[in-house]
Amino acid sequence: MNLDPRELLASIRYMTLATVGADGRPWASPVWYAAPAPSELLWVSQPGARHSRNIANRPEVAIVIFDSTVPNEDAQAVYMEATASQTGEGVERLSAASVSAGGEPWTAAEVTGSAKHRLYRADVTRCWMLGAEEERVEVKLV
């Protein structure tokens, strides 16, 4: 069984982002992301979105990335703990990933000032995948 998370990070474009609100209520959101480095995930969201508001109050997040198109016996997922925040750096790395995936480029003007979106970053602190016995095995991202 391949326990290298970089393959999934490079091939899957959506992550499930789990946040917790100030009231303690959990929230999960599918988010398109770029991973310019295995331990750095970038995405664009509206600051008023529930997950963005949750991050502003509580930056600790959980993330799962998985390929839902493969048969069950071939399924694998990357489970991560991270610290997330709104950031002013990295739009060029997000843009390059978007263009390489067939999407549109992003500019700093689209995530600053009066623009409706902002750039967010998750710095992964721990990562796991499932081992041969379906147990979680901690893996390194470098």
C-alpha atoms as a PDB file:
ATOM      1  CA  MET A   1       0.000   0.000   0.000  1.00  0.00           C
ATOM      2  CA  ASN A   2       1.400   3.398  -1.028  1.00  0.00           C
ATOM      3  CA  LEU A   3       1.666   5.720   1.960  1.00  0.00           C
ATOM      4  CA  ASP A   4       2.961   8.753   0.054  1.00  0.00           C
ATOM      5  CA  PRO A   5       0.477  11.645   0.434  1.00  0.00           C
ATOM      6  CA  ARG A   6       2.145  13.719  -2.290  1.00  0.00           C
ATOM      7  CA  GLU A   7       0.503  11.657  -5.042  1.00  0.00           C
ATOM      8  CA  LEU A   8      -3.002  12.469  -3.802  1.00  0.00           C
ATOM      9  CA  LEU A   9      -2.106  16.105  -3.139  1.00  0.00           C
ATOM     10  CA  ALA A  10      -0.899  16.451  -6.728  1.00  0.00           C
ATOM     11  CA  SER A  11      -3.822  14.669  -8.385  1.00  0.00           C
ATOM     12  CA  ILE A  12      -6.919  15.698  -6.391  1.00  0.00           C
ATOM     13  CA  ARG A  13      -8.170  19.269  -6.657  1.00  0.00           C
ATOM     14  CA  TYR A  14     -10.784  19.401  -3.880  1.00  0.00           C
ATOM     15  CA  MET A  15     -10.300  19.011  -0.164  1.00  0.00           C
ATOM     16  CA  THR A  16     -12.841  18.693   2.604  1.00  0.00           C
ATOM     17  CA  LEU A  17     -12.103  21.472   5.071  1.00  0.00           C
ATOM     18  CA  ALA A  18     -13.455  20.973   8.594  1.00  0.00           C
ATOM     19  CA  THR A  19     -13.718  23.995  10.866  1.00  0.00           C
ATOM     20  CA  VAL A  20     -15.343  24.780  14.198  1.00  0.00           C
ATOM     21  CA  GLY A  21     -17.307  27.927  14.926  1.00  0.00           C
ATOM     22  CA  ALA A  22     -16.984  30.158  17.963  1.00  0.00           C
ATOM     23  CA  ASP A  23     -20.103  28.386  19.281  1.00  0.00           C
ATOM     24  CA  GLY A  24     -18.369  24.975  19.041  1.00  0.00           C
ATOM     25  CA  ARG A  25     -20.439  23.768  16.082  1.00  0.00           C
ATOM     26  CA  PRO A  26     -18.485  21.863  13.410  1.00  0.00           C
ATOM     27  CA  TRP A  27     -18.685  22.690   9.688  1.00  0.00           C
ATOM     28  CA  ALA A  28     -17.266  20.867   6.651  1.00  0.00           C
ATOM     29  CA  SER A  29     -16.814  22.461   3.232  1.00  0.00           C
ATOM     30  CA  PRO A  30     -15.525  21.176  -0.112  1.00  0.00           C
ATOM     31  CA  VAL A  31     -12.868  23.638  -1.277  1.00  0.00           C
ATOM     32  CA  TRP A  32     -10.795  23.797  -4.477  1.00  0.00           C
ATOM     33  CA  TYR A  33      -7.159  24.090  -3.429  1.00  0.00           C
ATOM     34  CA  ALA A  34      -3.585  24.226  -4.646  1.00  0.00           C
ATOM     35  CA  ALA A  35      -0.648  22.598  -2.872  1.00  0.00           C
ATOM     36  CA  PRO A  36       2.496  24.449  -3.958  1.00  0.00           C
ATOM     37  CA  ALA A  37       4.314  22.480  -1.239  1.00  0.00           C
ATOM     38  CA  PRO A  38       3.005  19.330   0.476  1.00  0.00           C
ATOM     39  CA  SER A  39       2.578  21.123   3.795  1.00  0.00           C
ATOM     40  CA  GLU A  40       1.055  24.313   2.299  1.00  0.00           C
ATOM     41  CA  LEU A  41      -2.493  24.373   0.963  1.00  0.00           C
ATOM     42  CA  LEU A  42      -3.933  27.527  -0.646  1.00  0.00           C
ATOM     43  CA  TRP A  43      -7.513  28.377  -1.623  1.00  0.00           C
ATOM     44  CA  VAL A  44      -9.764  31.349  -2.298  1.00  0.00           C
ATOM     45  CA  SER A  45     -13.001  31.962  -0.390  1.00  0.00           C
ATOM     46  CA  GLN A  46     -15.311  34.757   0.551  1.00  0.00           C
ATOM     47  CA  PRO A  47     -14.488  36.082   4.036  1.00  0.00           C
ATOM     48  CA  GLY A  48     -18.185  35.858   4.948  1.00  0.00           C
ATOM     49  CA  ALA A  49     -18.411  32.138   4.139  1.00  0.00           C
ATOM     50  CA  ARG A  50     -19.060  30.054   7.244  1.00  0.00           C
ATOM     51  CA  HIS A  51     -15.725  28.233   7.052  1.00  0.00           C
ATOM     52  CA  SER A  52     -13.869  31.553   6.601  1.00  0.00           C
ATOM     53  CA  ARG A  53     -15.609  33.072   9.622  1.00  0.00           C
ATOM     54  CA  ASN A  54     -14.794  29.941  11.611  1.00  0.00           C
ATOM     55  CA  ILE A  55     -11.107  30.188  10.661  1.00  0.00           C
ATOM     56  CA  ALA A  56     -11.038  33.828  11.745  1.00  0.00           C
ATOM     57  CA  ASN A  57     -12.226  32.759  15.221  1.00  0.00           C
ATOM     58  CA  ARG A  58     -10.484  29.406  15.490  1.00  0.00           C
ATOM     59  CA  PRO A  59      -7.582  28.706  13.096  1.00  0.00           C
ATOM     60  CA  GLU A  60      -7.211  24.997  13.898  1.00  0.00           C
ATOM     61  CA  VAL A  61      -8.691  22.923  11.052  1.00  0.00           C
ATOM     62  CA  ALA A  62      -8.860  19.336   9.828  1.00  0.00           C
ATOM     63  CA  ILE A  63      -8.575  18.449   6.156  1.00  0.00           C
ATOM     64  CA  VAL A  64      -9.272  15.271   4.204  1.00  0.00           C
ATOM     65  CA  ILE A  65      -8.255  14.738   0.588  1.00  0.00           C
ATOM     66  CA  PHE A  66      -9.428  11.585  -1.177  1.00  0.00           C
ATOM     67  CA  ASP A  67     -10.189  10.201  -4.636  1.00  0.00           C
ATOM     68  CA  SER A  68     -13.886   9.365  -4.760  1.00  0.00           C
ATOM     69  CA  THR A  69     -13.647   7.900  -8.276  1.00  0.00           C
ATOM     70  CA  VAL A  70     -11.704   4.720  -7.461  1.00  0.00           C
ATOM     71  CA  PRO A  71     -13.171   1.374  -6.351  1.00  0.00           C
ATOM     72  CA  ASN A  72     -13.467   0.937  -2.594  1.00  0.00           C
ATOM     73  CA  GLU A  73     -10.549  -1.505  -2.393  1.00  0.00           C
ATOM     74  CA  ASP A  74      -8.263   1.059  -4.102  1.00  0.00           C
ATOM     75  CA  ALA A  75      -9.383   4.033  -2.021  1.00  0.00           C
ATOM     76  CA  GLN A  76      -6.890   6.097  -0.083  1.00  0.00           C
ATOM     77  CA  ALA A  77      -7.119   9.370   1.782  1.00  0.00           C
ATOM     78  CA  VAL A  78      -4.851  11.920   3.391  1.00  0.00           C
ATOM     79  CA  TYR A  79      -5.997  13.155   6.801  1.00  0.00           C
ATOM     80  CA  MET A  80      -4.419  16.381   8.062  1.00  0.00           C
ATOM     81  CA  GLU A  81      -4.366  18.733  10.999  1.00  0.00           C
ATOM     82  CA  ALA A  82      -3.427  22.296  10.096  1.00  0.00           C
ATOM     83  CA  THR A  83      -3.504  25.905  11.126  1.00  0.00           C
ATOM     84  CA  ALA A  84      -5.355  28.122   8.640  1.00  0.00           C
ATOM     85  CA  SER A  85      -5.503  31.856   8.103  1.00  0.00           C
ATOM     86  CA  GLN A  86      -6.245  34.537   5.576  1.00  0.00           C
ATOM     87  CA  THR A  87      -2.995  35.508   3.853  1.00  0.00           C
ATOM     88  CA  GLY A  88      -1.707  38.200   1.546  1.00  0.00           C
ATOM     89  CA  GLU A  89       1.000  36.003   0.015  1.00  0.00           C
ATOM     90  CA  GLY A  90       0.889  33.139  -2.452  1.00  0.00           C
ATOM     91  CA  VAL A  91      -1.669  34.202  -5.060  1.00  0.00           C
ATOM     92  CA  GLU A  92       0.885  33.585  -7.819  1.00  0.00           C
ATOM     93  CA  ARG A  93       1.341  29.970  -6.632  1.00  0.00           C
ATOM     94  CA  LEU A  94      -2.428  29.459  -6.473  1.00  0.00           C
ATOM     95  CA  SER A  95      -2.793  31.020  -9.920  1.00  0.00           C
ATOM     96  CA  ALA A  96      -0.149  28.743 -11.444  1.00  0.00           C
ATOM     97  CA  ALA A  97      -1.936  25.683 -10.036  1.00  0.00           C
ATOM     98  CA  SER A  98      -5.287  26.927 -11.348  1.00  0.00           C
ATOM     99  CA  VAL A  99      -3.925  27.484 -14.845  1.00  0.00           C
ATOM    100  CA  SER A 100      -2.170  24.102 -14.908  1.00  0.00           C
ATOM    101  CA  ALA A 101      -5.487  22.449 -13.954  1.00  0.00           C
ATOM    102  CA  GLY A 102      -7.265  24.213 -16.839  1.00  0.00           C
ATOM    103  CA  GLY A 103      -8.717  27.025 -14.750  1.00  0.00           C
ATOM    104  CA  GLU A 104      -8.397  30.771 -14.842  1.00  0.00           C
ATOM    105  CA  PRO A 105      -5.460  32.693 -13.404  1.00  0.00           C
ATOM    106  CA  TRP A 106      -5.848  34.647 -10.152  1.00  0.00           C
ATOM    107  CA  THR A 107      -4.381  38.075  -9.456  1.00  0.00           C
ATOM    108  CA  ALA A 108      -3.690  39.935  -6.226  1.00  0.00           C
ATOM    109  CA  ALA A 109      -6.420  42.421  -7.168  1.00  0.00           C
ATOM    110  CA  GLU A 110      -8.970  39.571  -7.059  1.00  0.00           C
ATOM    111  CA  VAL A 111      -8.165  38.728  -3.425  1.00  0.00           C
ATOM    112  CA  THR A 112      -7.476  42.144  -1.866  1.00  0.00           C
ATOM    113  CA  GLY A 113      -9.142  45.518  -1.359  1.00  0.00           C
ATOM    114  CA  SER A 114     -12.805  45.573  -2.345  1.00  0.00           C
ATOM    115  CA  ALA A 115     -12.672  42.158  -4.097  1.00  0.00           C
ATOM    116  CA  LYS A 116     -15.189  39.609  -2.799  1.00  0.00           C
ATOM    117  CA  HIS A 117     -12.595  36.850  -2.276  1.00  0.00           C
ATOM    118  CA  ARG A 118      -9.564  36.441  -0.064  1.00  0.00           C
ATOM    119  CA  LEU A 119      -6.637  34.048  -0.199  1.00  0.00           C
ATOM    120  CA  TYR A 120      -6.370  31.465   2.593  1.00  0.00           C
ATOM    121  CA  ARG A 121      -3.514  29.207   3.598  1.00  0.00           C
ATOM    122  CA  ALA A 122      -3.359  26.055   5.711  1.00  0.00           C
ATOM    123  CA  ASP A 123      -0.023  25.031   7.167  1.00  0.00           C
ATOM    124  CA  VAL A 124      -0.187  21.282   7.774  1.00  0.00           C
ATOM    125  CA  THR A 125       1.155  20.211  11.149  1.00  0.00           C
ATOM    126  CA  ARG A 126       0.351  16.462  11.097  1.00  0.00           C
ATOM    127  CA  CYS A 127      -0.685  14.004   8.391  1.00  0.00           C
ATOM    128  CA  TRP A 128      -1.995  10.425   8.289  1.00  0.00           C
ATOM    129  CA  MET A 129      -3.003   7.806   5.738  1.00  0.00           C
ATOM    130  CA  LEU A 130      -4.610   4.393   6.197  1.00  0.00           C
ATOM    131  CA  GLY A 131      -2.247   1.449   6.561  1.00  0.00           C
ATOM    132  CA  ALA A 132      -2.759  -2.131   5.370  1.00  0.00           C
ATOM    133  CA  GLU A 133      -5.005  -2.949   8.340  1.00  0.00           C
ATOM    134  CA  GLU A 134      -7.035   0.265   7.874  1.00  0.00           C
ATOM    135  CA  GLU A 135      -5.266   1.883  10.812  1.00  0.00           C
ATOM    136  CA  ARG A 136      -4.141   5.492  10.573  1.00  0.00           C
ATOM    137  CA  VAL A 137      -0.397   5.762  10.027  1.00  0.00           C
ATOM    138  CA  GLU A 138       1.293   9.113  10.523  1.00  0.00           C
ATOM    139  CA  VAL A 139       3.247  10.096   7.407  1.00  0.00           C
ATOM    140  CA  LYS A 140       5.658  12.914   6.630  1.00  0.00           C
ATOM    141  CA  LEU A 141       4.937  15.417   3.885  1.00  0.00           C
ATOM    142  CA  VAL A 142       8.560  16.065   2.905  1.00  0.00           C
END
